[in-house]
Amino acid sequence: MIAVSGRTDDVAELITRGLAALAHSGLQALDEPTVRAVVRQAIRDVRTAPPPPPENPSADPALAALRRTVDDLAASTHAIGELVLEVAPAYLSDTDAADVLAPLCEEIGEELEHGLAARRYALSCDRRALHGTVL
């Protein structure tokens, strides 16, 4: 929740849309697990969304293209990080996660540091977790 605390309006809008879609689907009553799933999805969507564009975007098309490329790379790294979390869950330390991930990273041809960075990024949604590795 801390990761989305500054974007409560966005979360509320996504929850409202999700609940409205369920209501229009003919669902008679919303049970607790369904509402919980809508809230989780809204928070995930806000956490993984690319940062808002700069207020004064550059007129340089090359810079705009580079920003889109970085956003795409961050999004794909987040997806990889979520998969890595299935192998090395969040409760593992980086050291323990490295022991578990080393064979996987070797098999897929990815550097272990990149796998660990993707895992940290999936946990935090903070792009600084990728600095010096993927970005």
Protein backbone atom coordinates (compact mmCIF):
# COMPACT_ATOMS: atom_id res chain seq x y z
CA MET A 1 0.00 0.00 0.00
CA ILE A 2 2.91 2.34 0.64
CA ALA A 3 3.92 2.07 -3.02
CA VAL A 4 0.52 3.43 -4.12
CA SER A 5 -0.20 5.84 -1.25
CA GLY A 6 0.38 8.86 -3.48
CA ARG A 7 -2.00 7.54 -6.13
CA THR A 8 -5.13 6.73 -4.13
CA ASP A 9 -7.37 8.36 -6.74
CA ASP A 10 -6.00 6.00 -9.40
CA VAL A 11 -6.52 2.98 -7.14
CA ALA A 12 -10.06 4.09 -6.28
CA GLU A 13 -10.89 4.57 -9.96
CA LEU A 14 -9.63 1.09 -10.88
CA ILE A 15 -11.52 -0.51 -7.99
CA THR A 16 -14.69 1.33 -9.01
CA ARG A 17 -14.30 0.18 -12.62
CA GLY A 18 -13.65 -3.40 -11.54
CA LEU A 19 -16.66 -3.53 -9.24
CA ALA A 20 -18.88 -1.86 -11.85
CA ALA A 21 -17.80 -4.43 -14.44
CA LEU A 22 -18.70 -7.22 -12.04
CA ALA A 23 -22.09 -5.63 -11.35
CA HIS A 24 -22.82 -5.32 -15.09
CA SER A 25 -21.81 -8.93 -15.63
CA GLY A 26 -24.94 -10.03 -13.79
CA LEU A 27 -23.22 -11.06 -10.57
CA GLN A 28 -25.94 -10.97 -7.88
CA ALA A 29 -23.75 -10.47 -4.82
CA LEU A 30 -20.13 -9.60 -4.28
CA ASP A 31 -18.41 -11.91 -1.85
CA GLU A 32 -15.31 -10.99 0.10
CA PRO A 33 -12.81 -12.94 -2.05
CA THR A 34 -14.13 -11.27 -5.22
CA VAL A 35 -13.78 -7.77 -3.76
CA ARG A 36 -10.32 -8.67 -2.44
CA ALA A 37 -9.29 -9.82 -5.92
CA VAL A 38 -10.51 -6.54 -7.46
CA VAL A 39 -8.55 -4.52 -4.88
CA ARG A 40 -5.39 -6.60 -5.36
CA GLN A 41 -5.59 -6.21 -9.13
CA ALA A 42 -6.08 -2.44 -8.84
CA ILE A 43 -3.06 -2.08 -6.57
CA ARG A 44 -0.97 -4.28 -8.86
CA ASP A 45 -2.01 -2.26 -11.90
CA VAL A 46 -1.08 1.03 -10.24
CA ARG A 47 2.22 -0.34 -8.91
CA THR A 48 3.31 -1.70 -12.27
CA ALA A 49 2.13 1.20 -14.43
CA PRO A 50 4.94 3.25 -15.94
CA PRO A 51 5.56 6.56 -14.23
CA PRO A 52 3.58 9.51 -15.55
CA PRO A 53 5.21 11.34 -18.45
CA PRO A 54 7.25 14.43 -17.62
CA GLU A 55 5.29 17.67 -17.42
CA ASN A 56 7.44 19.24 -20.13
CA PRO A 57 8.26 16.38 -22.48
CA SER A 58 11.17 16.80 -24.82
CA ALA A 59 10.36 17.63 -28.42
CA ASP A 60 13.21 15.35 -29.44
CA PRO A 61 11.65 12.18 -30.94
CA ALA A 62 14.79 10.15 -30.15
CA LEU A 63 14.47 10.97 -26.44
CA ALA A 64 10.76 10.11 -26.47
CA ALA A 65 11.54 6.77 -28.15
CA LEU A 66 14.26 6.07 -25.57
CA ARG A 67 11.81 6.76 -22.73
CA ARG A 68 9.31 4.32 -24.27
CA THR A 69 12.06 1.71 -24.59
CA VAL A 70 13.04 2.11 -20.94
CA ASP A 71 9.37 1.82 -19.91
CA ASP A 72 9.01 -1.37 -21.99
CA LEU A 73 12.20 -2.82 -20.51
CA ALA A 74 11.01 -2.04 -16.98
CA ALA A 75 7.60 -3.62 -17.65
CA SER A 76 9.12 -6.81 -19.05
CA THR A 77 11.61 -6.96 -16.19
CA HIS A 78 8.74 -6.65 -13.71
CA ALA A 79 7.00 -9.59 -15.39
CA ILE A 80 10.22 -11.62 -15.18
CA GLY A 81 10.55 -10.60 -11.54
CA GLU A 82 7.07 -11.92 -10.78
CA LEU A 83 8.03 -15.25 -12.33
CA VAL A 84 11.29 -15.29 -10.38
CA LEU A 85 9.30 -14.72 -7.17
CA GLU A 86 7.50 -17.99 -7.83
CA VAL A 87 10.86 -19.76 -7.68
CA ALA A 88 12.44 -17.61 -4.95
CA PRO A 89 9.61 -16.22 -2.79
CA ALA A 90 9.79 -12.84 -1.07
CA TYR A 91 10.54 -14.33 2.35
CA LEU A 92 13.96 -15.52 1.14
CA SER A 93 16.96 -13.28 1.66
CA ASP A 94 18.94 -12.24 -1.42
CA THR A 95 21.60 -14.78 -0.45
CA ASP A 96 19.10 -17.64 -0.18
CA ALA A 97 17.33 -16.48 -3.34
CA ALA A 98 20.66 -16.47 -5.19
CA ASP A 99 21.21 -20.11 -4.24
CA VAL A 100 17.78 -21.02 -5.62
CA LEU A 101 17.99 -18.82 -8.72
CA ALA A 102 21.53 -19.60 -9.85
CA PRO A 103 20.62 -22.81 -11.73
CA LEU A 104 17.55 -21.17 -13.30
CA CYS A 105 19.46 -18.09 -14.44
CA GLU A 106 22.22 -20.26 -15.87
CA GLU A 107 19.68 -22.38 -17.74
CA ILE A 108 17.93 -19.38 -19.33
CA GLY A 109 21.17 -17.49 -20.04
CA GLU A 110 20.48 -14.62 -17.66
CA GLU A 111 23.00 -13.16 -15.25
CA LEU A 112 22.17 -13.95 -11.63
CA GLU A 113 22.43 -10.26 -10.69
CA HIS A 114 19.78 -9.44 -13.30
CA GLY A 115 17.48 -12.14 -11.91
CA LEU A 116 17.91 -10.80 -8.39
CA ALA A 117 17.33 -7.23 -9.59
CA ALA A 118 14.13 -8.29 -11.36
CA ARG A 119 13.01 -9.99 -8.14
CA ARG A 120 13.70 -6.83 -6.09
CA TYR A 121 11.87 -4.73 -8.67
CA ALA A 122 8.82 -7.03 -8.57
CA LEU A 123 8.81 -6.72 -4.78
CA SER A 124 9.24 -2.95 -4.62
CA CYS A 125 8.13 -1.55 -8.00
CA ASP A 126 10.98 0.89 -7.51
CA ARG A 127 13.05 1.26 -10.68
CA ARG A 128 16.11 2.02 -8.61
CA ALA A 129 16.25 -1.75 -7.97
CA LEU A 130 17.28 -2.09 -11.63
CA HIS A 131 20.02 0.56 -11.71
CA GLY A 132 23.39 -0.85 -12.57
CA THR A 133 21.96 -4.15 -13.75
CA VAL A 134 19.09 -4.06 -16.22
CA LEU A 135 18.86 -0.27 -16.55
